[in-house]
Amino acid sequence: MSRYLGIDWGEKYIGLAISDPLGVIAQGLDVIEFKNEKSFFEYLKDILQKYDIKGIVIGYPISLRGHENEKTEKIKELSKKIEEKFKIKTYLVDERFTTMEVEKVLIEANVKRKDRKIIKNKQSAIIILQKFLSSIQLDTEEQEKV
């Protein structure tokens, strides 16, 4: 079975999460430092092949009031490039409040402030991907009832 890949795109670090083969549970995969688009796409190509990824879920940074901004435009552009380059479906998932959720969890787990900076990208990717997986499970359950 194929998996989904979750991406939390940051200015400096990119958090990655992956689903289990059944598409039920998200788990952390990696945090990479963004150097340039070319190296990111090379890394992404390896991940797509290694894990048989069937879709990519990207955190969509809309404002707290639900408006698009410069960051959302960058993510839409990235999503389009990924679809064209790798011929794979991408999904944009609202990532509002994700960082706050992650910060709370990491503070409760007594993770030091300096260590939180990198870890939070991976944790955010997990939350983004889990939101997506939960939503498709609900859709599947609703379709089965009909």
C-alpha atoms as a PDB file:
ATOM      1  CA  MET A   1       0.000   0.000   0.000  1.00  0.00           C
ATOM      2  CA  SER A   2       1.034   3.562  -0.603  1.00  0.00           C
ATOM      3  CA  ARG A   3       1.663   6.293   1.920  1.00  0.00           C
ATOM      4  CA  TYR A   4       1.137  10.024   2.261  1.00  0.00           C
ATOM      5  CA  LEU A   5       3.915  12.503   2.955  1.00  0.00           C
ATOM      6  CA  GLY A   6       3.288  15.569   5.120  1.00  0.00           C
ATOM      7  CA  ILE A   7       5.308  18.760   4.726  1.00  0.00           C
ATOM      8  CA  ASP A   8       5.583  21.713   7.083  1.00  0.00           C
ATOM      9  CA  TRP A   9       7.374  24.331   5.012  1.00  0.00           C
ATOM     10  CA  GLY A  10       9.479  26.773   6.987  1.00  0.00           C
ATOM     11  CA  GLU A  11      11.762  29.555   5.863  1.00  0.00           C
ATOM     12  CA  LYS A  12      14.832  27.687   7.115  1.00  0.00           C
ATOM     13  CA  TYR A  13      13.666  24.170   8.048  1.00  0.00           C
ATOM     14  CA  ILE A  14      11.220  21.776   6.435  1.00  0.00           C
ATOM     15  CA  GLY A  15       9.480  19.234   8.620  1.00  0.00           C
ATOM     16  CA  LEU A  16       8.417  15.922   7.120  1.00  0.00           C
ATOM     17  CA  ALA A  17       5.988  13.292   8.319  1.00  0.00           C
ATOM     18  CA  ILE A  18       4.817  10.062   6.738  1.00  0.00           C
ATOM     19  CA  SER A  19       1.722   7.941   7.115  1.00  0.00           C
ATOM     20  CA  ASP A  20       1.667   4.249   7.850  1.00  0.00           C
ATOM     21  CA  PRO A  21       0.915   2.100   4.776  1.00  0.00           C
ATOM     22  CA  LEU A  22      -2.808   2.019   5.651  1.00  0.00           C
ATOM     23  CA  GLY A  23      -2.995   5.826   5.746  1.00  0.00           C
ATOM     24  CA  VAL A  24      -4.246   5.955   9.333  1.00  0.00           C
ATOM     25  CA  ILE A  25      -1.382   7.237  11.507  1.00  0.00           C
ATOM     26  CA  ALA A  26       1.149  10.019  10.874  1.00  0.00           C
ATOM     27  CA  GLN A  27       4.660   9.782  12.247  1.00  0.00           C
ATOM     28  CA  GLY A  28       7.685  12.054  12.039  1.00  0.00           C
ATOM     29  CA  LEU A  29      10.150  11.381   9.262  1.00  0.00           C
ATOM     30  CA  ASP A  30      12.771  14.124   9.133  1.00  0.00           C
ATOM     31  CA  VAL A  31      13.671  17.797   9.371  1.00  0.00           C
ATOM     32  CA  ILE A  32      15.830  19.182   6.622  1.00  0.00           C
ATOM     33  CA  GLU A  33      17.462  22.538   6.233  1.00  0.00           C
ATOM     34  CA  PHE A  34      16.253  24.369   3.149  1.00  0.00           C
ATOM     35  CA  LYS A  35      19.212  25.287   0.973  1.00  0.00           C
ATOM     36  CA  ASN A  36      17.625  25.662  -2.438  1.00  0.00           C
ATOM     37  CA  GLU A  37      14.742  24.286  -4.452  1.00  0.00           C
ATOM     38  CA  LYS A  38      16.918  21.955  -6.527  1.00  0.00           C
ATOM     39  CA  SER A  39      18.354  20.122  -3.510  1.00  0.00           C
ATOM     40  CA  PHE A  40      14.892  19.934  -1.912  1.00  0.00           C
ATOM     41  CA  PHE A  41      13.442  18.348  -5.062  1.00  0.00           C
ATOM     42  CA  GLU A  42      16.311  15.824  -5.206  1.00  0.00           C
ATOM     43  CA  TYR A  43      15.635  14.878  -1.586  1.00  0.00           C
ATOM     44  CA  LEU A  44      11.890  14.701  -2.271  1.00  0.00           C
ATOM     45  CA  LYS A  45      12.450  12.427  -5.295  1.00  0.00           C
ATOM     46  CA  ASP A  46      14.332   9.947  -3.090  1.00  0.00           C
ATOM     47  CA  ILE A  47      11.579   9.995  -0.441  1.00  0.00           C
ATOM     48  CA  LEU A  48       8.829   9.477  -3.030  1.00  0.00           C
ATOM     49  CA  GLN A  49      10.584   6.428  -4.440  1.00  0.00           C
ATOM     50  CA  LYS A  50      11.712   4.935  -1.134  1.00  0.00           C
ATOM     51  CA  TYR A  51       8.264   5.060   0.491  1.00  0.00           C
ATOM     52  CA  ASP A  52       5.912   4.692  -2.509  1.00  0.00           C
ATOM     53  CA  ILE A  53       4.153   7.989  -1.759  1.00  0.00           C
ATOM     54  CA  LYS A  54       0.711   8.425  -3.323  1.00  0.00           C
ATOM     55  CA  GLY A  55       0.040  11.997  -2.203  1.00  0.00           C
ATOM     56  CA  ILE A  56       1.725  14.957  -0.539  1.00  0.00           C
ATOM     57  CA  VAL A  57       0.021  17.005   2.163  1.00  0.00           C
ATOM     58  CA  ILE A  58       1.400  20.509   2.611  1.00  0.00           C
ATOM     59  CA  GLY A  59       0.622  22.894   5.454  1.00  0.00           C
ATOM     60  CA  TYR A  60      -1.291  25.896   4.103  1.00  0.00           C
ATOM     61  CA  PRO A  61      -0.446  29.048   6.078  1.00  0.00           C
ATOM     62  CA  ILE A  62      -3.596  31.135   5.823  1.00  0.00           C
ATOM     63  CA  SER A  63      -4.014  34.011   8.255  1.00  0.00           C
ATOM     64  CA  LEU A  64      -5.939  33.622  11.505  1.00  0.00           C
ATOM     65  CA  ARG A  65      -8.875  35.348   9.814  1.00  0.00           C
ATOM     66  CA  GLY A  66      -8.781  32.920   6.910  1.00  0.00           C
ATOM     67  CA  HIS A  67      -7.141  35.208   4.359  1.00  0.00           C
ATOM     68  CA  GLU A  68      -4.445  34.269   1.914  1.00  0.00           C
ATOM     69  CA  ASN A  69      -1.132  36.094   1.965  1.00  0.00           C
ATOM     70  CA  GLU A  70       2.395  36.029   0.528  1.00  0.00           C
ATOM     71  CA  LYS A  71       3.175  32.722   2.259  1.00  0.00           C
ATOM     72  CA  THR A  72       0.040  31.035   0.923  1.00  0.00           C
ATOM     73  CA  GLU A  73       1.008  32.080  -2.587  1.00  0.00           C
ATOM     74  CA  LYS A  74       4.469  30.504  -2.116  1.00  0.00           C
ATOM     75  CA  ILE A  75       2.868  27.264  -0.935  1.00  0.00           C
ATOM     76  CA  LYS A  76       0.428  27.178  -3.852  1.00  0.00           C
ATOM     77  CA  GLU A  77       3.380  27.689  -6.197  1.00  0.00           C
ATOM     78  CA  LEU A  78       5.355  24.919  -4.472  1.00  0.00           C
ATOM     79  CA  SER A  79       2.355  22.580  -4.663  1.00  0.00           C
ATOM     80  CA  LYS A  80       1.956  23.214  -8.381  1.00  0.00           C
ATOM     81  CA  LYS A  81       5.684  22.637  -9.036  1.00  0.00           C
ATOM     82  CA  ILE A  82       5.627  19.349  -7.114  1.00  0.00           C
ATOM     83  CA  GLU A  83       2.569  18.119  -9.032  1.00  0.00           C
ATOM     84  CA  GLU A  84       4.114  19.016 -12.380  1.00  0.00           C
ATOM     85  CA  LYS A  85       7.598  17.656 -11.610  1.00  0.00           C
ATOM     86  CA  PHE A  86       6.606  14.407  -9.904  1.00  0.00           C
ATOM     87  CA  LYS A  87       3.127  13.767 -11.338  1.00  0.00           C
ATOM     88  CA  ILE A  88       1.696  13.343  -7.846  1.00  0.00           C
ATOM     89  CA  LYS A  89      -1.380  14.816  -6.161  1.00  0.00           C
ATOM     90  CA  THR A  90      -0.821  17.465  -3.491  1.00  0.00           C
ATOM     91  CA  TYR A  91      -3.285  18.544  -0.819  1.00  0.00           C
ATOM     92  CA  LEU A  92      -3.207  21.828   1.080  1.00  0.00           C
ATOM     93  CA  VAL A  93      -4.229  21.626   4.743  1.00  0.00           C
ATOM     94  CA  ASP A  94      -4.980  24.616   6.952  1.00  0.00           C
ATOM     95  CA  GLU A  95      -2.120  24.871   9.416  1.00  0.00           C
ATOM     96  CA  ARG A  96      -3.533  27.605  11.657  1.00  0.00           C
ATOM     97  CA  PHE A  97      -2.736  26.979  15.326  1.00  0.00           C
ATOM     98  CA  THR A  98      -0.374  24.082  14.479  1.00  0.00           C
ATOM     99  CA  THR A  99       2.687  25.878  15.836  1.00  0.00           C
ATOM    100  CA  MET A 100       0.874  26.725  19.063  1.00  0.00           C
ATOM    101  CA  GLU A 101      -0.226  23.093  19.479  1.00  0.00           C
ATOM    102  CA  VAL A 102       3.335  21.907  18.951  1.00  0.00           C
ATOM    103  CA  GLU A 103       4.844  24.480  21.318  1.00  0.00           C
ATOM    104  CA  LYS A 104       2.423  23.408  24.042  1.00  0.00           C
ATOM    105  CA  VAL A 105       3.270  19.716  23.598  1.00  0.00           C
ATOM    106  CA  LEU A 106       7.015  20.350  23.558  1.00  0.00           C
ATOM    107  CA  ILE A 107       6.865  22.562  26.658  1.00  0.00           C
ATOM    108  CA  GLU A 108       4.836  19.909  28.488  1.00  0.00           C
ATOM    109  CA  ALA A 109       7.451  17.350  27.447  1.00  0.00           C
ATOM    110  CA  ASN A 110      10.167  19.575  28.971  1.00  0.00           C
ATOM    111  CA  VAL A 111      11.991  20.038  25.653  1.00  0.00           C
ATOM    112  CA  LYS A 112      14.508  22.861  25.950  1.00  0.00           C
ATOM    113  CA  ARG A 113      13.771  26.050  23.993  1.00  0.00           C
ATOM    114  CA  LYS A 114      16.880  25.701  21.793  1.00  0.00           C
ATOM    115  CA  ASP A 115      15.908  22.123  20.866  1.00  0.00           C
ATOM    116  CA  ARG A 116      12.296  23.063  20.092  1.00  0.00           C
ATOM    117  CA  LYS A 117      13.236  25.180  17.079  1.00  0.00           C
ATOM    118  CA  ILE A 118      14.047  22.236  14.805  1.00  0.00           C
ATOM    119  CA  ILE A 119      11.772  19.632  16.389  1.00  0.00           C
ATOM    120  CA  LYS A 120       8.665  21.775  15.952  1.00  0.00           C
ATOM    121  CA  ASN A 121       8.837  21.542  12.159  1.00  0.00           C
ATOM    122  CA  LYS A 122       8.619  17.745  12.272  1.00  0.00           C
ATOM    123  CA  GLN A 123       5.868  17.846  14.910  1.00  0.00           C
ATOM    124  CA  SER A 124       3.922  20.369  12.822  1.00  0.00           C
ATOM    125  CA  ALA A 125       4.224  18.092   9.787  1.00  0.00           C
ATOM    126  CA  ILE A 126       2.797  15.241  11.878  1.00  0.00           C
ATOM    127  CA  ILE A 127      -0.205  17.336  12.950  1.00  0.00           C
ATOM    128  CA  ILE A 128      -0.843  18.569   9.402  1.00  0.00           C
ATOM    129  CA  LEU A 129      -0.688  15.047   7.991  1.00  0.00           C
ATOM    130  CA  GLN A 130      -2.838  13.595  10.792  1.00  0.00           C
ATOM    131  CA  LYS A 131      -5.540  16.227  10.131  1.00  0.00           C
ATOM    132  CA  PHE A 132      -5.579  15.152   6.504  1.00  0.00           C
ATOM    133  CA  LEU A 133      -5.629  11.425   7.296  1.00  0.00           C
ATOM    134  CA  SER A 134      -8.499  11.907   9.758  1.00  0.00           C
ATOM    135  CA  SER A 135     -10.491  13.868   7.196  1.00  0.00           C
ATOM    136  CA  ILE A 136     -10.135  11.219   4.483  1.00  0.00           C
ATOM    137  CA  GLN A 137     -11.080   8.496   6.983  1.00  0.00           C
ATOM    138  CA  LEU A 138     -14.258  10.417   7.820  1.00  0.00           C
ATOM    139  CA  ASP A 139     -15.033  10.832   4.118  1.00  0.00           C
ATOM    140  CA  THR A 140     -14.525   7.087   3.552  1.00  0.00           C
ATOM    141  CA  GLU A 141     -16.758   6.193   6.505  1.00  0.00           C
ATOM    142  CA  GLU A 142     -19.494   8.507   5.206  1.00  0.00           C
ATOM    143  CA  GLN A 143     -19.280   6.958   1.726  1.00  0.00           C
ATOM    144  CA  GLU A 144     -19.535   3.455   3.191  1.00  0.00           C
ATOM    145  CA  LYS A 145     -22.788   4.394   4.972  1.00  0.00           C
ATOM    146  CA  VAL A 146     -24.453   5.398   1.709  1.00  0.00           C
END
